Amino acid sequence: MNKYEEEKYRMENIGDKIYPWVKEELRDSHALNGKNISAKDTPLISFVGDLTVMLVIQRGEDAYEIIKDNMLPPDCDIEQLYYKACENLARDVEFVFGHTCYGGFAVLADGHHEASSLCLRHIWDVCAQKLEDDLVIMAPSKDMVLFVPAKEEEKLERMVEFGKEAYDRSDDKVSRNLMIFTKEGKELLAYDKVQH
């Protein structure tokens, strides 16, 4: 029996429990199998800049398993699975926005999916429209996403400083790099590729 044929990996049993996790490093301290993740046996989706998306299965209240190639049937369309994971994320995880001590904003969720909010373009579109500006975004760790309006340079500097400290302290680092969500183009890009 192939692994994907086992009851606990059958798509009809896990389809509604799959979520996207955004990562730069291939490791995670909370996932059941997150210590040694290899690109050789893990389906990864290229994202923004150096970031990739891996897919996880929620196995319990606070337990996640990273999907490996052998858990998926050979005809599985990874792009469609990613879209399904994003639908699950939008349906199951409540994202709240809070103010930060430096005058910016933070995305709050459940401690596992904050960085996953980067996958949901509609969230960033609403924020950009409300703030009437492009958004500079930083995801220093799996449980922290920070953003400021692009024109607010002083807040941006303070966000970068705060984010780098958070990155250094985190067990589940994501990235020190900045991204920008463009209000007009409605797309998430690596910040260094945009003239600002």
C-alpha atoms as a PDB file:
ATOM      1  CA  MET A   1       0.000   0.000   0.000  1.00  0.00           C
ATOM      2  CA  ASN A   2       1.290   3.444  -0.924  1.00  0.00           C
ATOM      3  CA  LYS A   3       1.334   6.090   1.779  1.00  0.00           C
ATOM      4  CA  TYR A   4      -1.287   8.213  -0.036  1.00  0.00           C
ATOM      5  CA  GLU A   5      -3.630   5.212   0.074  1.00  0.00           C
ATOM      6  CA  GLU A   6      -3.530   5.033   3.873  1.00  0.00           C
ATOM      7  CA  GLU A   7      -6.724   6.211   5.564  1.00  0.00           C
ATOM      8  CA  LYS A   8      -5.022   9.177   7.261  1.00  0.00           C
ATOM      9  CA  TYR A   9      -3.646  10.492   3.929  1.00  0.00           C
ATOM     10  CA  ARG A  10      -6.625   9.921   1.639  1.00  0.00           C
ATOM     11  CA  MET A  11      -7.601  13.208   0.027  1.00  0.00           C
ATOM     12  CA  GLU A  12     -11.259  12.811   1.001  1.00  0.00           C
ATOM     13  CA  ASN A  13     -10.132  12.674   4.656  1.00  0.00           C
ATOM     14  CA  ILE A  14      -7.580  15.497   4.625  1.00  0.00           C
ATOM     15  CA  GLY A  15      -8.765  17.885   1.881  1.00  0.00           C
ATOM     16  CA  ASP A  16     -10.472  20.276   4.320  1.00  0.00           C
ATOM     17  CA  LYS A  17      -7.551  20.178   6.774  1.00  0.00           C
ATOM     18  CA  ILE A  18      -4.751  21.316   4.442  1.00  0.00           C
ATOM     19  CA  TYR A  19      -3.255  24.800   4.893  1.00  0.00           C
ATOM     20  CA  PRO A  20      -0.407  26.792   3.320  1.00  0.00           C
ATOM     21  CA  TRP A  21       2.628  27.792   5.395  1.00  0.00           C
ATOM     22  CA  VAL A  22       5.024  30.429   4.064  1.00  0.00           C
ATOM     23  CA  LYS A  23       8.706  29.702   4.734  1.00  0.00           C
ATOM     24  CA  GLU A  24      12.195  30.724   3.705  1.00  0.00           C
ATOM     25  CA  GLU A  25      14.026  28.036   5.712  1.00  0.00           C
ATOM     26  CA  LEU A  26      12.792  24.482   5.365  1.00  0.00           C
ATOM     27  CA  ARG A  27      12.152  23.718   9.037  1.00  0.00           C
ATOM     28  CA  ASP A  28       9.413  24.193  11.585  1.00  0.00           C
ATOM     29  CA  SER A  29       9.554  23.656  15.329  1.00  0.00           C
ATOM     30  CA  HIS A  30       5.824  22.901  15.717  1.00  0.00           C
ATOM     31  CA  ALA A  31       5.164  20.490  12.857  1.00  0.00           C
ATOM     32  CA  LEU A  32       5.177  16.798  13.741  1.00  0.00           C
ATOM     33  CA  ASN A  33       7.732  16.170  10.977  1.00  0.00           C
ATOM     34  CA  GLY A  34       9.257  19.658  10.768  1.00  0.00           C
ATOM     35  CA  LYS A  35      12.822  19.129  11.933  1.00  0.00           C
ATOM     36  CA  ASN A  36      14.290  17.920   8.641  1.00  0.00           C
ATOM     37  CA  ILE A  37      12.354  19.135   5.635  1.00  0.00           C
ATOM     38  CA  SER A  38      13.947  18.508   2.253  1.00  0.00           C
ATOM     39  CA  ALA A  39      13.022  20.024  -1.088  1.00  0.00           C
ATOM     40  CA  LYS A  40      13.738  16.561  -2.531  1.00  0.00           C
ATOM     41  CA  ASP A  41      10.672  14.969  -0.934  1.00  0.00           C
ATOM     42  CA  THR A  42       8.402  17.914  -0.088  1.00  0.00           C
ATOM     43  CA  PRO A  43       6.168  19.668  -2.622  1.00  0.00           C
ATOM     44  CA  LEU A  44       7.104  23.360  -2.469  1.00  0.00           C
ATOM     45  CA  ILE A  45       5.451  26.257  -4.247  1.00  0.00           C
ATOM     46  CA  SER A  46       7.596  29.216  -5.227  1.00  0.00           C
ATOM     47  CA  PHE A  47       6.211  32.398  -3.682  1.00  0.00           C
ATOM     48  CA  VAL A  48       7.638  35.935  -3.336  1.00  0.00           C
ATOM     49  CA  GLY A  49      11.395  36.500  -3.398  1.00  0.00           C
ATOM     50  CA  ASP A  50      13.094  33.655  -1.512  1.00  0.00           C
ATOM     51  CA  LEU A  51       9.859  32.506   0.109  1.00  0.00           C
ATOM     52  CA  THR A  52       8.177  29.208  -0.633  1.00  0.00           C
ATOM     53  CA  VAL A  53       4.884  27.715   0.439  1.00  0.00           C
ATOM     54  CA  MET A  54       4.666  24.250   1.917  1.00  0.00           C
ATOM     55  CA  LEU A  55       1.388  22.534   2.630  1.00  0.00           C
ATOM     56  CA  VAL A  56       0.470  21.091   6.017  1.00  0.00           C
ATOM     57  CA  ILE A  57      -2.293  18.868   7.352  1.00  0.00           C
ATOM     58  CA  GLN A  58      -3.885  19.841  10.640  1.00  0.00           C
ATOM     59  CA  ARG A  59      -3.828  16.695  12.779  1.00  0.00           C
ATOM     60  CA  GLY A  60      -5.170  18.126  16.026  1.00  0.00           C
ATOM     61  CA  GLU A  61      -5.839  21.384  17.854  1.00  0.00           C
ATOM     62  CA  ASP A  62      -2.160  22.316  17.797  1.00  0.00           C
ATOM     63  CA  ALA A  63      -0.622  19.545  15.663  1.00  0.00           C
ATOM     64  CA  TYR A  64       0.399  19.840  12.005  1.00  0.00           C
ATOM     65  CA  GLU A  65       2.111  17.476   9.594  1.00  0.00           C
ATOM     66  CA  ILE A  66       4.028  18.760   6.583  1.00  0.00           C
ATOM     67  CA  ILE A  67       2.871  17.132   3.354  1.00  0.00           C
ATOM     68  CA  LYS A  68       5.549  15.033   1.651  1.00  0.00           C
ATOM     69  CA  ASP A  69       5.515  13.856  -1.968  1.00  0.00           C
ATOM     70  CA  ASN A  70       4.704  10.261  -0.984  1.00  0.00           C
ATOM     71  CA  MET A  71       1.519  11.421   0.790  1.00  0.00           C
ATOM     72  CA  LEU A  72       0.019  12.626  -2.495  1.00  0.00           C
ATOM     73  CA  PRO A  73      -1.315  10.500  -5.351  1.00  0.00           C
ATOM     74  CA  PRO A  74       0.805  10.689  -8.534  1.00  0.00           C
ATOM     75  CA  ASP A  75      -1.899  12.624 -10.409  1.00  0.00           C
ATOM     76  CA  CYS A  76      -2.247  15.296  -7.699  1.00  0.00           C
ATOM     77  CA  ASP A  77      -2.149  18.856  -9.064  1.00  0.00           C
ATOM     78  CA  ILE A  78      -0.086  20.761  -6.488  1.00  0.00           C
ATOM     79  CA  GLU A  79      -1.335  24.136  -7.744  1.00  0.00           C
ATOM     80  CA  GLN A  80      -4.965  23.084  -7.237  1.00  0.00           C
ATOM     81  CA  LEU A  81      -4.060  21.733  -3.803  1.00  0.00           C
ATOM     82  CA  TYR A  82      -2.520  25.122  -2.963  1.00  0.00           C
ATOM     83  CA  TYR A  83      -5.755  26.890  -3.961  1.00  0.00           C
ATOM     84  CA  LYS A  84      -7.740  24.444  -1.825  1.00  0.00           C
ATOM     85  CA  ALA A  85      -5.377  25.127   1.107  1.00  0.00           C
ATOM     86  CA  CYS A  86      -5.935  28.883   0.673  1.00  0.00           C
ATOM     87  CA  GLU A  87      -9.714  28.343   0.634  1.00  0.00           C
ATOM     88  CA  ASN A  88      -9.406  26.356   3.864  1.00  0.00           C
ATOM     89  CA  LEU A  89      -7.278  29.119   5.377  1.00  0.00           C
ATOM     90  CA  ALA A  90      -9.803  31.827   4.465  1.00  0.00           C
ATOM     91  CA  ARG A  91     -12.660  29.704   5.815  1.00  0.00           C
ATOM     92  CA  ASP A  92     -11.106  28.447   9.064  1.00  0.00           C
ATOM     93  CA  VAL A  93      -8.656  31.062  10.344  1.00  0.00           C
ATOM     94  CA  GLU A  94      -9.787  34.414  11.683  1.00  0.00           C
ATOM     95  CA  PHE A  95      -7.294  37.176  10.955  1.00  0.00           C
ATOM     96  CA  VAL A  96      -7.410  40.291  13.122  1.00  0.00           C
ATOM     97  CA  PHE A  97      -5.407  43.464  12.617  1.00  0.00           C
ATOM     98  CA  GLY A  98      -3.828  45.290  15.501  1.00  0.00           C
ATOM     99  CA  HIS A  99      -1.769  48.411  16.030  1.00  0.00           C
ATOM    100  CA  THR A 100       1.904  48.107  16.910  1.00  0.00           C
ATOM    101  CA  CYS A 101       3.958  50.135  19.375  1.00  0.00           C
ATOM    102  CA  TYR A 102       5.768  51.893  16.490  1.00  0.00           C
ATOM    103  CA  GLY A 103       2.574  53.011  14.734  1.00  0.00           C
ATOM    104  CA  GLY A 104       2.309  50.232  12.179  1.00  0.00           C
ATOM    105  CA  PHE A 105       0.014  47.234  12.004  1.00  0.00           C
ATOM    106  CA  ALA A 106       0.234  43.516  12.763  1.00  0.00           C
ATOM    107  CA  VAL A 107      -1.744  40.511  11.599  1.00  0.00           C
ATOM    108  CA  LEU A 108      -2.992  38.348  14.455  1.00  0.00           C
ATOM    109  CA  ALA A 109      -4.390  34.817  14.143  1.00  0.00           C
ATOM    110  CA  ASP A 110      -3.707  31.592  16.010  1.00  0.00           C
ATOM    111  CA  GLY A 111       0.086  31.478  16.285  1.00  0.00           C
ATOM    112  CA  HIS A 112       0.452  29.124  13.308  1.00  0.00           C
ATOM    113  CA  HIS A 113      -1.042  30.976  10.338  1.00  0.00           C
ATOM    114  CA  GLU A 114      -0.062  34.639  10.583  1.00  0.00           C
ATOM    115  CA  ALA A 115       2.563  34.308   7.825  1.00  0.00           C
ATOM    116  CA  SER A 116       0.029  32.318   5.794  1.00  0.00           C
ATOM    117  CA  SER A 117      -2.004  35.529   5.512  1.00  0.00           C
ATOM    118  CA  LEU A 118       0.451  36.496   2.752  1.00  0.00           C
ATOM    119  CA  CYS A 119      -1.332  33.937   0.546  1.00  0.00           C
ATOM    120  CA  LEU A 120      -4.675  35.763   0.803  1.00  0.00           C
ATOM    121  CA  ARG A 121      -4.537  38.668  -1.618  1.00  0.00           C
ATOM    122  CA  HIS A 122      -7.999  39.955  -0.646  1.00  0.00           C
ATOM    123  CA  ILE A 123      -6.776  40.722   2.901  1.00  0.00           C
ATOM    124  CA  TRP A 124      -3.981  42.912   1.574  1.00  0.00           C
ATOM    125  CA  ASP A 125      -6.211  44.534  -1.022  1.00  0.00           C
ATOM    126  CA  VAL A 126      -8.692  45.638   1.675  1.00  0.00           C
ATOM    127  CA  CYS A 127      -5.863  46.996   3.859  1.00  0.00           C
ATOM    128  CA  ALA A 128      -4.264  48.881   0.942  1.00  0.00           C
ATOM    129  CA  GLN A 129      -7.608  50.412  -0.030  1.00  0.00           C
ATOM    130  CA  LYS A 130      -8.379  51.466   3.560  1.00  0.00           C
ATOM    131  CA  LEU A 131      -4.905  52.948   4.088  1.00  0.00           C
ATOM    132  CA  GLU A 132      -4.927  54.439   0.568  1.00  0.00           C
ATOM    133  CA  ASP A 133      -1.351  53.382  -0.130  1.00  0.00           C
ATOM    134  CA  ASP A 134       0.888  50.505  -1.092  1.00  0.00           C
ATOM    135  CA  LEU A 135       1.814  48.349   1.899  1.00  0.00           C
ATOM    136  CA  VAL A 136       5.321  47.385   2.956  1.00  0.00           C
ATOM    137  CA  ILE A 137       5.080  44.006   4.663  1.00  0.00           C
ATOM    138  CA  MET A 138       7.493  41.989   6.774  1.00  0.00           C
ATOM    139  CA  ALA A 139       6.974  38.418   8.009  1.00  0.00           C
ATOM    140  CA  PRO A 140       9.808  37.824  10.472  1.00  0.00           C
ATOM    141  CA  SER A 141       8.273  34.642  11.891  1.00  0.00           C
ATOM    142  CA  LYS A 142       5.460  32.174  11.323  1.00  0.00           C
ATOM    143  CA  ASP A 143       3.396  33.926  14.008  1.00  0.00           C
ATOM    144  CA  MET A 144       4.125  37.544  13.073  1.00  0.00           C
ATOM    145  CA  VAL A 145       3.325  39.704  10.054  1.00  0.00           C
ATOM    146  CA  LEU A 146       3.900  43.459  10.227  1.00  0.00           C
ATOM    147  CA  PHE A 147       2.983  46.172   7.748  1.00  0.00           C
ATOM    148  CA  VAL A 148       2.941  49.930   7.236  1.00  0.00           C
ATOM    149  CA  PRO A 149       1.773  52.249   4.468  1.00  0.00           C
ATOM    150  CA  ALA A 150       4.701  52.636   2.043  1.00  0.00           C
ATOM    151  CA  LYS A 151       4.778  56.443   2.264  1.00  0.00           C
ATOM    152  CA  GLU A 152       5.357  56.421   6.041  1.00  0.00           C
ATOM    153  CA  GLU A 153       9.154  56.097   6.012  1.00  0.00           C
ATOM    154  CA  GLU A 154       9.745  56.664   9.729  1.00  0.00           C
ATOM    155  CA  LYS A 155       7.290  53.909  10.659  1.00  0.00           C
ATOM    156  CA  LEU A 156       8.866  51.689   8.011  1.00  0.00           C
ATOM    157  CA  GLU A 157      12.309  52.094   9.598  1.00  0.00           C
ATOM    158  CA  ARG A 158      10.903  51.276  13.023  1.00  0.00           C
ATOM    159  CA  MET A 159       9.037  48.264  11.642  1.00  0.00           C
ATOM    160  CA  VAL A 160      12.226  46.905  10.073  1.00  0.00           C
ATOM    161  CA  GLU A 161      14.100  47.301  13.355  1.00  0.00           C
ATOM    162  CA  PHE A 162      11.285  45.630  15.329  1.00  0.00           C
ATOM    163  CA  GLY A 163      10.937  42.863  12.729  1.00  0.00           C
ATOM    164  CA  LYS A 164      14.648  42.044  12.685  1.00  0.00           C
ATOM    165  CA  GLU A 165      14.652  41.707  16.477  1.00  0.00           C
ATOM    166  CA  ALA A 166      11.604  39.412  16.269  1.00  0.00           C
ATOM    167  CA  TYR A 167      13.294  37.351  13.551  1.00  0.00           C
ATOM    168  CA  ASP A 168      16.417  36.891  15.676  1.00  0.00           C
ATOM    169  CA  ARG A 169      14.339  35.736  18.684  1.00  0.00           C
ATOM    170  CA  SER A 170      12.034  33.375  16.804  1.00  0.00           C
ATOM    171  CA  ASP A 171      12.216  29.577  16.674  1.00  0.00           C
ATOM    172  CA  ASP A 172      10.136  29.645  13.473  1.00  0.00           C
ATOM    173  CA  LYS A 173      11.836  32.293  11.364  1.00  0.00           C
ATOM    174  CA  VAL A 174      10.325  33.291   8.040  1.00  0.00           C
ATOM    175  CA  SER A 175      12.285  36.230   6.582  1.00  0.00           C
ATOM    176  CA  ARG A 176      14.057  39.526   7.247  1.00  0.00           C
ATOM    177  CA  ASN A 177      13.202  40.695   3.737  1.00  0.00           C
ATOM    178  CA  LEU A 178      10.482  43.172   2.921  1.00  0.00           C
ATOM    179  CA  MET A 179       7.602  42.754   0.504  1.00  0.00           C
ATOM    180  CA  ILE A 180       5.272  45.304  -0.991  1.00  0.00           C
ATOM    181  CA  PHE A 181       1.615  44.896  -1.832  1.00  0.00           C
ATOM    182  CA  THR A 182       0.761  47.351  -4.595  1.00  0.00           C
ATOM    183  CA  LYS A 183      -2.569  49.109  -4.228  1.00  0.00           C
ATOM    184  CA  GLU A 184      -3.044  49.573  -7.972  1.00  0.00           C
ATOM    185  CA  GLY A 185      -1.610  46.281  -9.258  1.00  0.00           C
ATOM    186  CA  LYS A 186      -2.989  44.275  -6.325  1.00  0.00           C
ATOM    187  CA  GLU A 187       0.078  42.054  -6.186  1.00  0.00           C
ATOM    188  CA  LEU A 188       2.645  41.057  -3.606  1.00  0.00           C
ATOM    189  CA  LEU A 189       6.236  41.624  -4.727  1.00  0.00           C
ATOM    190  CA  ALA A 190       9.709  41.534  -3.243  1.00  0.00           C
ATOM    191  CA  TYR A 191      10.361  45.082  -1.995  1.00  0.00           C
ATOM    192  CA  ASP A 192      13.848  45.357  -3.483  1.00  0.00           C
ATOM    193  CA  LYS A 193      12.448  44.812  -6.989  1.00  0.00           C
ATOM    194  CA  VAL A 194      10.280  47.889  -6.777  1.00  0.00           C
ATOM    195  CA  GLN A 195      11.538  51.455  -7.063  1.00  0.00           C
ATOM    196  CA  HIS A 196      10.518  53.152  -3.834  1.00  0.00           C
END
